[in-house]
């Protein structure tokens, strides 16, 4: 299979499972600020726009839009 083609104005969904199927992020001010900082840092670094952040019981899923072709995200 060939590598995915990078297209401008693409939408990127990142799905991250929590460790050992346990959700360890507490809904408090410190955790919320840390998540917002990480998203803001990713937006600046990769010139992306966060469209949605879904936090569920066992995973978090941010959706980004990128205007660049050379975006390579690895988790």
C-alpha atoms as a PDB file:
ATOM      1  CA  UNK A   1       0.000   0.000   0.000  1.00  0.00           C
ATOM      2  CA  UNK A   2       1.299   3.463  -0.821  1.00  0.00           C
ATOM      3  CA  UNK A   3       1.758   6.145   1.797  1.00  0.00           C
ATOM      4  CA  UNK A   4      -1.205   8.470   2.331  1.00  0.00           C
ATOM      5  CA  UNK A   5      -1.217  11.529   0.117  1.00  0.00           C
ATOM      6  CA  UNK A   6      -1.098  14.848   1.988  1.00  0.00           C
ATOM      7  CA  UNK A   7      -3.719  17.240   0.664  1.00  0.00           C
ATOM      8  CA  UNK A   8      -4.164  20.875   1.685  1.00  0.00           C
ATOM      9  CA  UNK A   9      -7.255  21.680   3.765  1.00  0.00           C
ATOM     10  CA  UNK A  10      -7.423  18.086   4.971  1.00  0.00           C
ATOM     11  CA  UNK A  11      -9.233  16.955   8.103  1.00  0.00           C
ATOM     12  CA  UNK A  12      -7.324  14.846  10.617  1.00  0.00           C
ATOM     13  CA  UNK A  13      -8.886  12.734  13.366  1.00  0.00           C
ATOM     14  CA  UNK A  14      -6.576  11.490  16.087  1.00  0.00           C
ATOM     15  CA  UNK A  15      -7.953   8.777  18.317  1.00  0.00           C
ATOM     16  CA  UNK A  16      -6.000   8.136  21.497  1.00  0.00           C
ATOM     17  CA  UNK A  17      -6.944   5.336  23.860  1.00  0.00           C
ATOM     18  CA  UNK A  18      -6.235   5.792  27.523  1.00  0.00           C
ATOM     19  CA  UNK A  19      -3.724   3.551  29.238  1.00  0.00           C
ATOM     20  CA  UNK A  20      -4.935   0.177  30.493  1.00  0.00           C
ATOM     21  CA  UNK A  21      -8.448   1.164  29.409  1.00  0.00           C
ATOM     22  CA  UNK A  22      -8.646   3.494  32.391  1.00  0.00           C
ATOM     23  CA  UNK A  23      -9.505   7.129  31.941  1.00  0.00           C
ATOM     24  CA  UNK A  24      -7.141   8.976  34.252  1.00  0.00           C
ATOM     25  CA  UNK A  25      -7.973  12.570  33.331  1.00  0.00           C
ATOM     26  CA  UNK A  26     -10.054  14.185  36.033  1.00  0.00           C
ATOM     27  CA  UNK A  27     -12.434  16.964  34.972  1.00  0.00           C
ATOM     28  CA  UNK A  28     -10.792  19.733  37.011  1.00  0.00           C
ATOM     29  CA  UNK A  29      -9.319  23.127  36.155  1.00  0.00           C
ATOM     30  CA  UNK A  30      -5.696  21.929  36.068  1.00  0.00           C
ATOM     31  CA  UNK A  31      -6.445  19.070  33.658  1.00  0.00           C
ATOM     32  CA  UNK A  32      -8.596  21.294  31.436  1.00  0.00           C
ATOM     33  CA  UNK A  33      -5.807  23.893  31.259  1.00  0.00           C
ATOM     34  CA  UNK A  34      -3.216  21.222  30.386  1.00  0.00           C
ATOM     35  CA  UNK A  35      -5.373  19.841  27.567  1.00  0.00           C
ATOM     36  CA  UNK A  36      -5.999  23.340  26.196  1.00  0.00           C
ATOM     37  CA  UNK A  37      -2.266  24.122  26.368  1.00  0.00           C
ATOM     38  CA  UNK A  38      -1.363  20.957  24.442  1.00  0.00           C
ATOM     39  CA  UNK A  39      -3.972  21.681  21.767  1.00  0.00           C
ATOM     40  CA  UNK A  40      -2.804  25.293  21.475  1.00  0.00           C
ATOM     41  CA  UNK A  41       0.820  24.214  21.182  1.00  0.00           C
ATOM     42  CA  UNK A  42      -0.063  21.711  18.440  1.00  0.00           C
ATOM     43  CA  UNK A  43      -2.015  24.420  16.607  1.00  0.00           C
ATOM     44  CA  UNK A  44       0.997  26.761  16.658  1.00  0.00           C
ATOM     45  CA  UNK A  45       3.573  24.121  15.784  1.00  0.00           C
ATOM     46  CA  UNK A  46       1.691  22.517  12.904  1.00  0.00           C
ATOM     47  CA  UNK A  47      -0.387  25.549  11.806  1.00  0.00           C
ATOM     48  CA  UNK A  48      -3.627  23.695  12.391  1.00  0.00           C
ATOM     49  CA  UNK A  49      -7.102  24.589  13.477  1.00  0.00           C
ATOM     50  CA  UNK A  50      -8.903  22.475  16.086  1.00  0.00           C
ATOM     51  CA  UNK A  51     -12.470  21.855  14.950  1.00  0.00           C
ATOM     52  CA  UNK A  52     -13.670  19.534  17.690  1.00  0.00           C
ATOM     53  CA  UNK A  53     -12.446  17.720  20.783  1.00  0.00           C
ATOM     54  CA  UNK A  54     -14.356  14.667  21.929  1.00  0.00           C
ATOM     55  CA  UNK A  55     -13.469  13.270  25.353  1.00  0.00           C
ATOM     56  CA  UNK A  56     -15.134   9.952  26.003  1.00  0.00           C
ATOM     57  CA  UNK A  57     -14.873   7.307  28.670  1.00  0.00           C
ATOM     58  CA  UNK A  58     -11.923   5.426  27.177  1.00  0.00           C
ATOM     59  CA  UNK A  59     -10.413   7.739  24.566  1.00  0.00           C
ATOM     60  CA  UNK A  60      -9.938  11.311  23.423  1.00  0.00           C
ATOM     61  CA  UNK A  61     -10.401  12.335  19.795  1.00  0.00           C
ATOM     62  CA  UNK A  62      -9.408  15.782  18.546  1.00  0.00           C
ATOM     63  CA  UNK A  63     -10.299  16.711  14.952  1.00  0.00           C
ATOM     64  CA  UNK A  64      -7.896  19.093  13.202  1.00  0.00           C
ATOM     65  CA  UNK A  65      -7.906  20.909   9.881  1.00  0.00           C
ATOM     66  CA  UNK A  66      -4.576  21.505   8.220  1.00  0.00           C
ATOM     67  CA  UNK A  67      -3.777  23.969   5.468  1.00  0.00           C
ATOM     68  CA  UNK A  68      -0.291  22.510   4.950  1.00  0.00           C
ATOM     69  CA  UNK A  69       0.770  19.584   2.794  1.00  0.00           C
ATOM     70  CA  UNK A  70       3.743  18.480   4.880  1.00  0.00           C
ATOM     71  CA  UNK A  71       1.896  17.654   8.093  1.00  0.00           C
ATOM     72  CA  UNK A  72       2.985  14.382   9.597  1.00  0.00           C
ATOM     73  CA  UNK A  73       1.480  13.513  12.960  1.00  0.00           C
ATOM     74  CA  UNK A  74       2.750  10.573  14.906  1.00  0.00           C
ATOM     75  CA  UNK A  75       1.622   9.604  18.366  1.00  0.00           C
END
